Amino acid sequence: MPPSEDERLVDLAARLEHADPRFARALRSGRPVRPREYRRTGAWWGLALGVAALGSGIAWSQGLLIACGLVLAGLAAQLVDPDPARPGHRGRG
């Protein structure tokens, strides 16, 4: 026997609450926020920090600082990627 529409909606709401509680609470209150997939503030800060470390490493001729800046900028650039449909993307689904 297929589940009723109400059961499916309750299951969907429970999964949404588990996956992104901040989004679910804001949606219930009538003041929606961006879903987790579209919040990338931390990634942008990481990218800025990586570029700053890279620039400092180049200015001071410090190889380790250059390497750290490159790695951090590369990791943050992956997190900033706006296309979740791209192969290899680790989005929630």
N, C-alpha and C. Protein backbone atom coordinates (compact mmCIF):
# COMPACT_ATOMS: atom_id res chain seq x y z
N MET A 1 0.84 -1.17 0.00
CA MET A 1 0.00 0.00 0.00
C MET A 1 0.90 1.24 0.00
N PRO A 2 0.72 2.15 -0.96
CA PRO A 2 1.57 3.35 -1.02
C PRO A 2 1.29 4.27 0.17
N PRO A 3 2.33 4.98 0.63
CA PRO A 3 2.13 5.90 1.76
C PRO A 3 1.24 7.08 1.34
N SER A 4 0.51 7.60 2.27
CA SER A 4 -0.37 8.73 1.97
C SER A 4 0.46 9.99 1.75
N GLU A 5 -0.17 10.99 1.19
CA GLU A 5 0.51 12.25 0.92
C GLU A 5 0.97 12.91 2.22
N ASP A 6 0.17 12.81 3.27
CA ASP A 6 0.55 13.42 4.54
C ASP A 6 1.80 12.78 5.11
N GLU A 7 1.89 11.45 5.03
CA GLU A 7 3.09 10.75 5.54
C GLU A 7 4.32 11.16 4.75
N ARG A 8 4.17 11.30 3.45
CA ARG A 8 5.30 11.71 2.62
C ARG A 8 5.75 13.13 2.95
N LEU A 9 4.78 14.03 3.20
CA LEU A 9 5.14 15.40 3.56
C LEU A 9 5.82 15.46 4.92
N VAL A 10 5.34 14.67 5.88
CA VAL A 10 5.97 14.64 7.21
C VAL A 10 7.39 14.09 7.10
N ASP A 11 7.57 13.06 6.27
CA ASP A 11 8.90 12.49 6.08
C ASP A 11 9.84 13.51 5.42
N LEU A 12 9.32 14.23 4.44
CA LEU A 12 10.11 15.26 3.77
C LEU A 12 10.51 16.37 4.74
N ALA A 13 9.57 16.80 5.58
CA ALA A 13 9.87 17.85 6.57
C ALA A 13 10.91 17.36 7.58
N ALA A 14 10.82 16.10 7.99
CA ALA A 14 11.79 15.56 8.94
C ALA A 14 13.18 15.49 8.32
N ARG A 15 13.26 15.09 7.06
CA ARG A 15 14.56 15.04 6.40
C ARG A 15 15.16 16.43 6.22
N LEU A 16 14.31 17.40 5.89
CA LEU A 16 14.78 18.78 5.75
C LEU A 16 15.29 19.31 7.08
N GLU A 17 14.56 19.04 8.16
CA GLU A 17 14.98 19.48 9.50
C GLU A 17 16.33 18.86 9.88
N HIS A 18 16.52 17.60 9.52
CA HIS A 18 17.78 16.92 9.84
C HIS A 18 18.93 17.45 8.98
N ALA A 19 18.68 17.71 7.69
CA ALA A 19 19.73 18.13 6.78
C ALA A 19 20.16 19.58 7.01
N ASP A 20 19.20 20.47 7.24
CA ASP A 20 19.51 21.89 7.38
C ASP A 20 18.55 22.53 8.38
N PRO A 21 18.82 22.40 9.70
CA PRO A 21 17.88 22.91 10.70
C PRO A 21 17.67 24.42 10.63
N ARG A 22 18.71 25.16 10.30
CA ARG A 22 18.58 26.62 10.23
C ARG A 22 17.58 27.02 9.14
N PHE A 23 17.68 26.38 7.98
CA PHE A 23 16.77 26.67 6.88
C PHE A 23 15.34 26.27 7.24
N ALA A 24 15.17 25.11 7.87
CA ALA A 24 13.83 24.64 8.23
C ALA A 24 13.17 25.57 9.26
N ARG A 25 13.94 26.02 10.26
CA ARG A 25 13.37 26.94 11.27
C ARG A 25 12.98 28.26 10.62
N ALA A 26 13.82 28.78 9.74
CA ALA A 26 13.53 30.05 9.09
C ALA A 26 12.32 29.93 8.17
N LEU A 27 12.17 28.80 7.51
CA LEU A 27 11.03 28.59 6.63
C LEU A 27 9.73 28.53 7.43
N ARG A 28 9.77 27.88 8.59
CA ARG A 28 8.58 27.82 9.45
C ARG A 28 8.19 29.19 9.97
N SER A 29 9.18 30.03 10.27
CA SER A 29 8.89 31.35 10.82
C SER A 29 8.46 32.35 9.75
N GLY A 30 8.59 31.98 8.49
CA GLY A 30 8.18 32.88 7.42
C GLY A 30 9.27 33.83 6.97
N ARG A 31 10.49 33.66 7.47
CA ARG A 31 11.62 34.50 7.07
C ARG A 31 12.72 33.60 6.54
N PRO A 32 12.58 33.11 5.31
CA PRO A 32 13.53 32.13 4.79
C PRO A 32 14.94 32.69 4.63
N VAL A 33 15.90 31.80 4.80
CA VAL A 33 17.31 32.10 4.57
C VAL A 33 17.80 31.18 3.46
N ARG A 34 19.01 31.41 3.01
CA ARG A 34 19.57 30.56 1.97
C ARG A 34 19.77 29.15 2.51
N PRO A 35 19.52 28.14 1.68
CA PRO A 35 19.83 26.77 2.09
C PRO A 35 21.35 26.59 2.23
N ARG A 36 21.74 25.56 2.94
CA ARG A 36 23.15 25.30 3.22
C ARG A 36 23.98 25.22 1.95
N GLU A 37 23.42 24.68 0.87
CA GLU A 37 24.17 24.53 -0.37
C GLU A 37 24.61 25.86 -0.96
N TYR A 38 23.90 26.94 -0.62
CA TYR A 38 24.19 28.24 -1.20
C TYR A 38 24.86 29.21 -0.24
N ARG A 39 25.17 28.76 0.97
CA ARG A 39 25.89 29.62 1.92
C ARG A 39 27.38 29.32 1.77
N ARG A 40 28.10 30.27 1.25
CA ARG A 40 29.52 30.05 0.98
C ARG A 40 30.41 31.12 1.60
N THR A 41 29.95 31.76 2.66
CA THR A 41 30.73 32.83 3.28
C THR A 41 32.08 32.33 3.77
N GLY A 42 32.10 31.19 4.42
CA GLY A 42 33.36 30.63 4.92
C GLY A 42 34.33 30.30 3.80
N ALA A 43 33.80 29.83 2.69
CA ALA A 43 34.66 29.51 1.55
C ALA A 43 35.30 30.77 0.98
N TRP A 44 34.53 31.85 0.92
CA TRP A 44 35.09 33.10 0.41
C TRP A 44 36.17 33.64 1.35
N TRP A 45 35.96 33.51 2.66
CA TRP A 45 37.00 33.93 3.61
C TRP A 45 38.25 33.07 3.46
N GLY A 46 38.07 31.78 3.26
CA GLY A 46 39.22 30.90 3.05
C GLY A 46 39.98 31.25 1.78
N LEU A 47 39.24 31.59 0.74
CA LEU A 47 39.88 31.99 -0.51
C LEU A 47 40.68 33.29 -0.33
N ALA A 48 40.09 34.25 0.38
CA ALA A 48 40.80 35.51 0.63
C ALA A 48 42.06 35.27 1.47
N LEU A 49 41.95 34.42 2.48
CA LEU A 49 43.11 34.11 3.32
C LEU A 49 44.20 33.39 2.52
N GLY A 50 43.79 32.47 1.65
CA GLY A 50 44.76 31.76 0.81
C GLY A 50 45.49 32.69 -0.14
N VAL A 51 44.77 33.61 -0.75
CA VAL A 51 45.40 34.56 -1.67
C VAL A 51 46.32 35.51 -0.91
N ALA A 52 45.90 35.91 0.31
CA ALA A 52 46.75 36.78 1.12
C ALA A 52 48.03 36.04 1.54
N ALA A 53 47.91 34.78 1.90
CA ALA A 53 49.09 33.99 2.27
C ALA A 53 50.00 33.81 1.06
N LEU A 54 49.41 33.57 -0.10
CA LEU A 54 50.21 33.42 -1.32
C LEU A 54 50.95 34.71 -1.64
N GLY A 55 50.25 35.84 -1.57
CA GLY A 55 50.90 37.13 -1.84
C GLY A 55 51.99 37.44 -0.84
N SER A 56 51.76 37.14 0.43
CA SER A 56 52.79 37.37 1.46
C SER A 56 53.99 36.48 1.23
N GLY A 57 53.73 35.24 0.87
CA GLY A 57 54.84 34.32 0.61
C GLY A 57 55.68 34.75 -0.57
N ILE A 58 55.03 35.28 -1.59
CA ILE A 58 55.77 35.78 -2.76
C ILE A 58 56.57 37.02 -2.37
N ALA A 59 55.96 37.92 -1.60
CA ALA A 59 56.64 39.16 -1.21
C ALA A 59 57.84 38.89 -0.31
N TRP A 60 57.72 37.91 0.59
CA TRP A 60 58.81 37.61 1.53
C TRP A 60 59.70 36.46 1.09
N SER A 61 59.45 35.93 -0.09
CA SER A 61 60.23 34.81 -0.64
C SER A 61 60.26 33.62 0.32
N GLN A 62 59.10 33.25 0.83
CA GLN A 62 58.98 32.11 1.75
C GLN A 62 58.23 30.98 1.04
N GLY A 63 58.95 29.94 0.70
CA GLY A 63 58.36 28.83 -0.05
C GLY A 63 57.23 28.12 0.68
N LEU A 64 57.39 27.95 2.00
CA LEU A 64 56.35 27.27 2.76
C LEU A 64 55.06 28.09 2.80
N LEU A 65 55.18 29.39 2.92
CA LEU A 65 54.01 30.27 2.91
C LEU A 65 53.35 30.28 1.54
N ILE A 66 54.13 30.23 0.49
CA ILE A 66 53.58 30.15 -0.87
C ILE A 66 52.80 28.85 -1.04
N ALA A 67 53.39 27.75 -0.58
CA ALA A 67 52.73 26.45 -0.70
C ALA A 67 51.43 26.41 0.10
N CYS A 68 51.45 26.93 1.31
CA CYS A 68 50.24 26.96 2.14
C CYS A 68 49.16 27.83 1.49
N GLY A 69 49.55 28.95 0.93
CA GLY A 69 48.60 29.83 0.25
C GLY A 69 47.98 29.16 -0.96
N LEU A 70 48.79 28.45 -1.73
CA LEU A 70 48.27 27.75 -2.90
C LEU A 70 47.29 26.65 -2.51
N VAL A 71 47.64 25.88 -1.48
CA VAL A 71 46.76 24.80 -1.04
C VAL A 71 45.46 25.36 -0.49
N LEU A 72 45.53 26.36 0.35
CA LEU A 72 44.33 26.95 0.94
C LEU A 72 43.44 27.59 -0.13
N ALA A 73 44.04 28.29 -1.07
CA ALA A 73 43.26 28.90 -2.15
C ALA A 73 42.61 27.83 -3.02
N GLY A 74 43.31 26.75 -3.27
CA GLY A 74 42.73 25.66 -4.07
C GLY A 74 41.57 24.98 -3.37
N LEU A 75 41.72 24.72 -2.07
CA LEU A 75 40.63 24.10 -1.32
C LEU A 75 39.41 25.01 -1.26
N ALA A 76 39.63 26.27 -1.00
CA ALA A 76 38.52 27.22 -0.90
C ALA A 76 37.85 27.41 -2.26
N ALA A 77 38.62 27.39 -3.34
CA ALA A 77 38.04 27.55 -4.67
C ALA A 77 37.10 26.38 -4.99
N GLN A 78 37.42 25.19 -4.52
CA GLN A 78 36.52 24.04 -4.70
C GLN A 78 35.21 24.24 -3.95
N LEU A 79 35.28 24.86 -2.77
CA LEU A 79 34.08 25.08 -1.98
C LEU A 79 33.20 26.20 -2.53
N VAL A 80 33.79 27.13 -3.26
CA VAL A 80 33.06 28.26 -3.82
C VAL A 80 32.33 27.86 -5.11
N ASP A 81 32.67 26.72 -5.69
CA ASP A 81 32.12 26.27 -6.96
C ASP A 81 30.60 26.39 -6.99
N PRO A 82 30.04 27.21 -7.89
CA PRO A 82 28.59 27.42 -7.92
C PRO A 82 27.80 26.36 -8.66
N ASP A 83 28.45 25.38 -9.28
CA ASP A 83 27.74 24.39 -10.09
C ASP A 83 27.70 23.05 -9.37
N PRO A 84 26.63 22.75 -8.61
CA PRO A 84 26.56 21.48 -7.88
C PRO A 84 26.34 20.28 -8.79
N ALA A 85 25.98 20.47 -10.05
CA ALA A 85 25.73 19.36 -10.95
C ALA A 85 27.02 18.82 -11.57
N ARG A 86 28.13 19.49 -11.33
CA ARG A 86 29.40 19.07 -11.90
C ARG A 86 29.82 17.72 -11.34
N PRO A 87 30.39 16.84 -12.15
CA PRO A 87 30.84 15.54 -11.65
C PRO A 87 31.88 15.70 -10.54
N GLY A 88 31.76 14.90 -9.51
CA GLY A 88 32.69 14.95 -8.40
C GLY A 88 32.28 15.90 -7.30
N HIS A 89 31.15 16.59 -7.47
CA HIS A 89 30.69 17.53 -6.43
C HIS A 89 30.13 16.73 -5.26
N ARG A 90 30.50 17.11 -4.05
CA ARG A 90 30.08 16.36 -2.86
C ARG A 90 28.90 17.05 -2.18
N GLY A 91 27.92 17.42 -2.93
CA GLY A 91 26.75 18.08 -2.36
C GLY A 91 25.82 17.09 -1.68
N ARG A 92 24.89 17.61 -0.94
CA ARG A 92 23.91 16.74 -0.27
C ARG A 92 22.84 16.37 -1.27
N GLY A 93 22.35 15.18 -1.15
CA GLY A 93 21.32 14.80 -2.10
C GLY A 93 20.57 13.69 -1.66
